[in-house]
Amino acid sequence: MEIFISHSSALEYWRRYGADSAQLSTQAFHQHGLPSTAYDRAVLLNTAKHELNLPIDVLTRNNKARRKIEGLRHNTFSHPVPVGSLINCGDGLVVSSPEFCFFQMASRLSLVKLIELGYEFCGVYSLVAEKDAGRLASDDNTAGESLDNSSMGFYTRHPLTSVRKLKAYVSHMSNAHGQKKAARAVRFIIDGSASPMETILSMLLTLPKKLGGYGLPKPSLNAQIAPTRATKSTLSKANFYCDLY
């Protein structure tokens, strides 16, 4: 039986395996809807090798599928989900896509924290739990571009999504619980953050004053700056990247 991972457990999954589990474009979308039959305890075996923290958030279509099982936390979502909301990650594990996960977390995070999460998903880093730091230091990244900053609480990876994709996804969730909050959060997210501190700095400068920011115009994050032909010969780098441009 497949297990549908959602909310905090999906967030944990993408933070841990977002860079390791191949590019999202190559992942197989789950073509069917959410399950309407109850889980049994055996489905926990499908998550054991991923070492997700208990209780594991699982998703069902209606309350009929809810069954009290130690180690599982049931979440019901009856609204139709857009194509691409569920990603088949193998071994019977179906995970909410980064866009769906972001939407789900609107019910659990404050607006500011949801914006911060959006920066992370649309950026090139993931926060890591302390228990994962050793694994990241020793693992080879399949994409070949991971840099271990786990001592600072994050590592680099390809973006999980983009502001454009989040905006489009949220627009398809009209009338679903959390849609207004998610749509508001997307307005303040910027693509391309490379670290948690870049995110905090950008949010501090650009969020409106009522959300604790200075209300400045949005910058480009990590914008590429090419030297002029006249100065290239005196420089050691072909290009430069500005944290906030």
Protein backbone atom coordinates (compact mmCIF):
# COMPACT_ATOMS: atom_id res chain seq x y z
CA MET A 1 0.00 0.00 0.00
CA GLU A 2 1.24 3.48 -0.84
CA ILE A 3 1.71 6.09 1.85
CA PHE A 4 1.06 9.75 1.06
CA ILE A 5 3.47 12.01 2.95
CA SER A 6 2.39 15.60 3.62
CA HIS A 7 2.91 18.75 5.68
CA SER A 8 5.90 18.67 8.06
CA SER A 9 6.97 15.19 6.94
CA ALA A 10 7.00 16.26 3.29
CA LEU A 11 9.03 19.31 4.29
CA GLU A 12 11.48 17.05 6.14
CA TYR A 13 11.70 14.79 3.07
CA TRP A 14 12.50 17.62 0.64
CA ARG A 15 15.01 19.14 3.01
CA ARG A 16 16.79 15.82 3.33
CA TYR A 17 16.54 14.41 -0.19
CA GLY A 18 15.80 17.36 -2.44
CA ALA A 19 19.28 17.34 -3.94
CA ASP A 20 19.88 13.60 -3.73
CA SER A 21 16.73 12.13 -5.23
CA ALA A 22 17.31 13.30 -8.84
CA GLN A 23 15.89 16.41 -10.43
CA LEU A 24 12.21 17.04 -9.83
CA SER A 25 11.59 17.15 -13.57
CA THR A 26 12.52 13.46 -13.75
CA GLN A 27 10.29 12.42 -10.84
CA ALA A 28 7.13 10.49 -11.73
CA PHE A 29 3.95 12.32 -10.90
CA HIS A 30 1.35 10.22 -9.13
CA GLN A 31 -1.53 10.12 -11.60
CA HIS A 32 -4.29 9.18 -9.17
CA GLY A 33 -5.97 11.16 -6.44
CA LEU A 34 -5.54 10.99 -2.70
CA PRO A 35 -6.38 7.69 -1.00
CA SER A 36 -9.86 7.13 0.40
CA THR A 37 -9.01 3.86 2.16
CA ALA A 38 -7.53 3.70 5.64
CA TYR A 39 -3.84 3.15 6.24
CA ASP A 40 -2.61 0.22 8.26
CA ARG A 41 0.48 0.06 10.44
CA ALA A 42 2.43 -1.75 7.70
CA VAL A 43 2.72 1.49 5.73
CA LEU A 44 5.20 2.75 8.33
CA LEU A 45 7.68 0.23 6.93
CA ASN A 46 7.69 2.25 3.69
CA THR A 47 9.10 5.24 5.55
CA ALA A 48 11.55 3.42 7.83
CA LYS A 49 14.59 3.73 5.57
CA HIS A 50 13.99 7.47 5.17
CA GLU A 51 14.19 7.92 8.95
CA LEU A 52 11.45 10.54 9.04
CA ASN A 53 10.55 11.85 12.46
CA LEU A 54 7.43 10.47 14.12
CA PRO A 55 4.58 11.10 13.97
CA ILE A 56 4.55 11.05 10.18
CA ASP A 57 2.05 13.34 8.47
CA VAL A 58 -0.08 11.37 6.03
CA LEU A 59 -2.76 12.65 3.68
CA THR A 60 -6.20 11.22 2.96
CA ARG A 61 -9.18 12.40 0.92
CA ASN A 62 -11.86 12.10 3.57
CA ASN A 63 -12.45 11.29 7.21
CA LYS A 64 -13.49 7.74 6.38
CA ALA A 65 -9.83 6.96 5.73
CA ARG A 66 -8.73 8.15 9.15
CA ARG A 67 -7.64 5.46 11.60
CA LYS A 68 -5.80 6.05 14.83
CA ILE A 69 -2.37 4.46 14.40
CA GLU A 70 0.60 5.24 16.59
CA GLY A 71 3.27 6.99 14.56
CA LEU A 72 0.88 8.47 11.97
CA ARG A 73 -0.79 11.89 12.01
CA HIS A 74 -3.71 12.00 9.59
CA ASN A 75 -4.54 15.09 7.53
CA THR A 76 -7.65 15.35 5.38
CA PHE A 77 -7.71 17.31 2.12
CA SER A 78 -10.92 17.06 0.14
CA HIS A 79 -10.23 19.88 -2.34
CA PRO A 80 -9.18 18.71 -5.85
CA VAL A 81 -5.39 18.81 -6.23
CA PRO A 82 -3.70 20.13 -9.38
CA VAL A 83 -1.70 17.79 -11.61
CA GLY A 84 1.82 17.43 -10.23
CA SER A 85 0.80 17.82 -6.59
CA LEU A 86 1.89 14.29 -5.69
CA ILE A 87 5.27 12.83 -6.58
CA ASN A 88 5.97 9.11 -6.64
CA CYS A 89 9.36 8.72 -4.98
CA GLY A 90 9.47 4.92 -5.12
CA ASP A 91 9.18 2.22 -2.47
CA GLY A 92 5.48 3.01 -2.08
CA LEU A 93 6.22 6.57 -1.01
CA VAL A 94 4.15 9.39 -2.52
CA VAL A 95 5.26 12.84 -1.34
CA SER A 96 3.51 16.19 -1.63
CA SER A 97 5.35 18.23 -4.25
CA PRO A 98 7.29 21.27 -3.00
CA GLU A 99 4.43 23.48 -4.19
CA PHE A 100 1.80 21.37 -2.42
CA CYS A 101 3.98 21.14 0.69
CA PHE A 102 4.35 24.94 0.75
CA PHE A 103 0.57 25.26 0.50
CA GLN A 104 0.04 22.75 3.31
CA MET A 105 2.48 24.55 5.60
CA ALA A 106 0.34 27.69 5.36
CA SER A 107 -1.86 26.07 8.02
CA ARG A 108 1.07 25.53 10.39
CA LEU A 109 3.38 28.52 9.98
CA SER A 110 3.00 32.22 10.61
CA LEU A 111 2.95 34.40 7.49
CA VAL A 112 6.56 35.51 7.99
CA LYS A 113 7.77 31.93 8.53
CA LEU A 114 5.85 30.82 5.44
CA ILE A 115 7.60 33.52 3.40
CA GLU A 116 10.94 32.34 4.80
CA LEU A 117 10.11 28.77 3.77
CA GLY A 118 9.22 30.01 0.29
CA TYR A 119 12.64 31.67 0.00
CA GLU A 120 14.23 28.34 0.92
CA PHE A 121 12.20 26.33 -1.60
CA CYS A 122 12.90 28.88 -4.36
CA GLY A 123 16.53 29.23 -3.34
CA VAL A 124 19.57 27.00 -3.67
CA TYR A 125 19.85 25.77 -0.08
CA SER A 126 18.06 23.55 2.41
CA LEU A 127 18.09 23.71 6.17
CA VAL A 128 19.37 20.53 7.78
CA ALA A 129 18.70 18.82 11.08
CA GLU A 130 21.68 18.24 13.33
CA LYS A 131 21.38 14.47 12.88
CA ASP A 132 21.79 14.90 9.09
CA ALA A 133 24.95 16.99 9.20
CA GLY A 134 27.29 13.97 9.23
CA ARG A 135 25.47 12.30 6.35
CA LEU A 136 25.74 15.41 4.18
CA ALA A 137 29.43 15.75 4.89
CA SER A 138 30.11 12.22 3.66
CA ASP A 139 27.52 11.76 0.89
CA ASP A 140 28.23 12.50 -2.77
CA ASN A 141 25.56 14.61 -4.44
CA THR A 142 24.18 13.10 -7.64
CA ALA A 143 23.91 16.54 -9.18
CA GLY A 144 27.58 17.15 -8.44
CA GLU A 145 27.00 20.66 -7.12
CA SER A 146 26.26 20.24 -3.43
CA LEU A 147 28.44 22.20 -1.04
CA ASP A 148 28.44 21.13 2.58
CA ASN A 149 27.63 24.04 4.88
CA SER A 150 26.02 21.76 7.43
CA SER A 151 28.10 23.26 10.22
CA MET A 152 26.12 26.44 9.53
CA GLY A 153 22.84 24.56 9.38
CA PHE A 154 22.29 24.32 5.63
CA TYR A 155 23.59 22.80 2.41
CA THR A 156 23.35 23.93 -1.21
CA ARG A 157 21.23 22.22 -3.85
CA HIS A 158 19.18 22.99 -6.94
CA PRO A 159 15.98 25.03 -6.40
CA LEU A 160 12.97 22.91 -5.48
CA THR A 161 10.55 25.30 -7.18
CA SER A 162 10.21 28.95 -8.21
CA VAL A 163 8.07 31.96 -7.37
CA ARG A 164 6.34 31.58 -10.74
CA LYS A 165 5.45 27.94 -10.01
CA LEU A 166 4.27 28.70 -6.48
CA LYS A 167 2.10 31.54 -7.71
CA ALA A 168 0.54 29.37 -10.43
CA TYR A 169 -0.04 26.50 -8.01
CA VAL A 170 -1.68 28.64 -5.34
CA SER A 171 -3.97 30.21 -7.95
CA HIS A 172 -5.34 26.73 -8.73
CA MET A 173 -6.27 26.22 -5.06
CA SER A 174 -9.07 28.78 -5.05
CA ASN A 175 -11.40 28.40 -2.04
CA ALA A 176 -9.16 25.78 -0.39
CA HIS A 177 -8.28 26.37 3.25
CA GLY A 178 -5.05 28.38 3.48
CA GLN A 179 -5.20 29.74 -0.08
CA LYS A 180 -5.36 33.42 0.87
CA LYS A 181 -2.45 33.13 3.28
CA ALA A 182 -0.32 31.21 0.78
CA ALA A 183 -1.13 33.71 -1.98
CA ARG A 184 -0.14 36.61 0.26
CA ALA A 185 3.14 34.92 1.20
CA VAL A 186 4.10 34.32 -2.44
CA ARG A 187 3.92 38.06 -3.12
CA PHE A 188 6.96 38.62 -0.90
CA ILE A 189 9.20 35.69 -1.96
CA ILE A 190 12.22 36.21 -4.23
CA ASP A 191 14.01 33.50 -6.24
CA GLY A 192 17.67 32.69 -5.83
CA SER A 193 18.61 32.98 -2.15
CA ALA A 194 21.80 31.04 -1.41
CA SER A 195 21.67 30.87 2.38
CA PRO A 196 19.40 31.41 5.39
CA MET A 197 21.16 34.69 6.20
CA GLU A 198 20.62 36.01 2.67
CA THR A 199 16.95 35.19 3.11
CA ILE A 200 16.74 37.00 6.45
CA LEU A 201 18.55 40.05 5.05
CA SER A 202 16.33 40.19 1.98
CA MET A 203 13.18 39.82 4.06
CA LEU A 204 14.32 42.50 6.50
CA LEU A 205 14.90 44.97 3.68
CA THR A 206 11.87 44.20 1.50
CA LEU A 207 8.95 43.09 3.69
CA PRO A 208 6.43 45.84 4.44
CA LYS A 209 6.80 47.65 7.73
CA LYS A 210 3.72 45.95 9.19
CA LEU A 211 5.56 42.63 8.77
CA GLY A 212 8.76 43.96 10.34
CA GLY A 213 10.66 45.00 7.20
CA TYR A 214 11.82 48.29 5.68
CA GLY A 215 9.57 48.09 2.61
CA LEU A 216 12.38 48.61 0.08
CA PRO A 217 12.07 47.45 -3.57
CA LYS A 218 12.89 43.81 -4.26
CA PRO A 219 16.49 43.13 -5.35
CA SER A 220 17.74 40.35 -7.61
CA LEU A 221 19.41 37.69 -5.47
CA ASN A 222 22.80 36.37 -6.58
CA ALA A 223 22.66 38.26 -9.84
CA GLN A 224 25.52 37.58 -12.24
CA ILE A 225 27.76 40.53 -13.05
CA ALA A 226 30.12 40.13 -15.99
CA PRO A 227 33.28 42.26 -16.03
CA THR A 228 33.84 44.56 -18.97
CA ARG A 229 36.27 43.48 -21.65
CA ALA A 230 38.73 46.14 -20.47
CA THR A 231 38.85 44.78 -16.91
CA LYS A 232 38.77 41.03 -17.59
CA SER A 233 42.53 40.79 -17.95
CA THR A 234 43.06 42.15 -14.44
CA LEU A 235 40.59 39.82 -12.71
CA SER A 236 40.85 36.24 -11.53
CA LYS A 237 37.16 35.47 -12.05
CA ALA A 238 35.09 35.38 -15.20
CA ASN A 239 31.92 36.47 -13.38
CA PHE A 240 30.83 37.85 -10.04
CA TYR A 241 27.63 37.30 -8.09
CA CYS A 242 25.97 39.87 -5.87
CA ASP A 243 24.07 38.60 -2.82
CA LEU A 244 21.50 41.37 -3.30
CA TYR A 245 21.64 43.44 -6.50
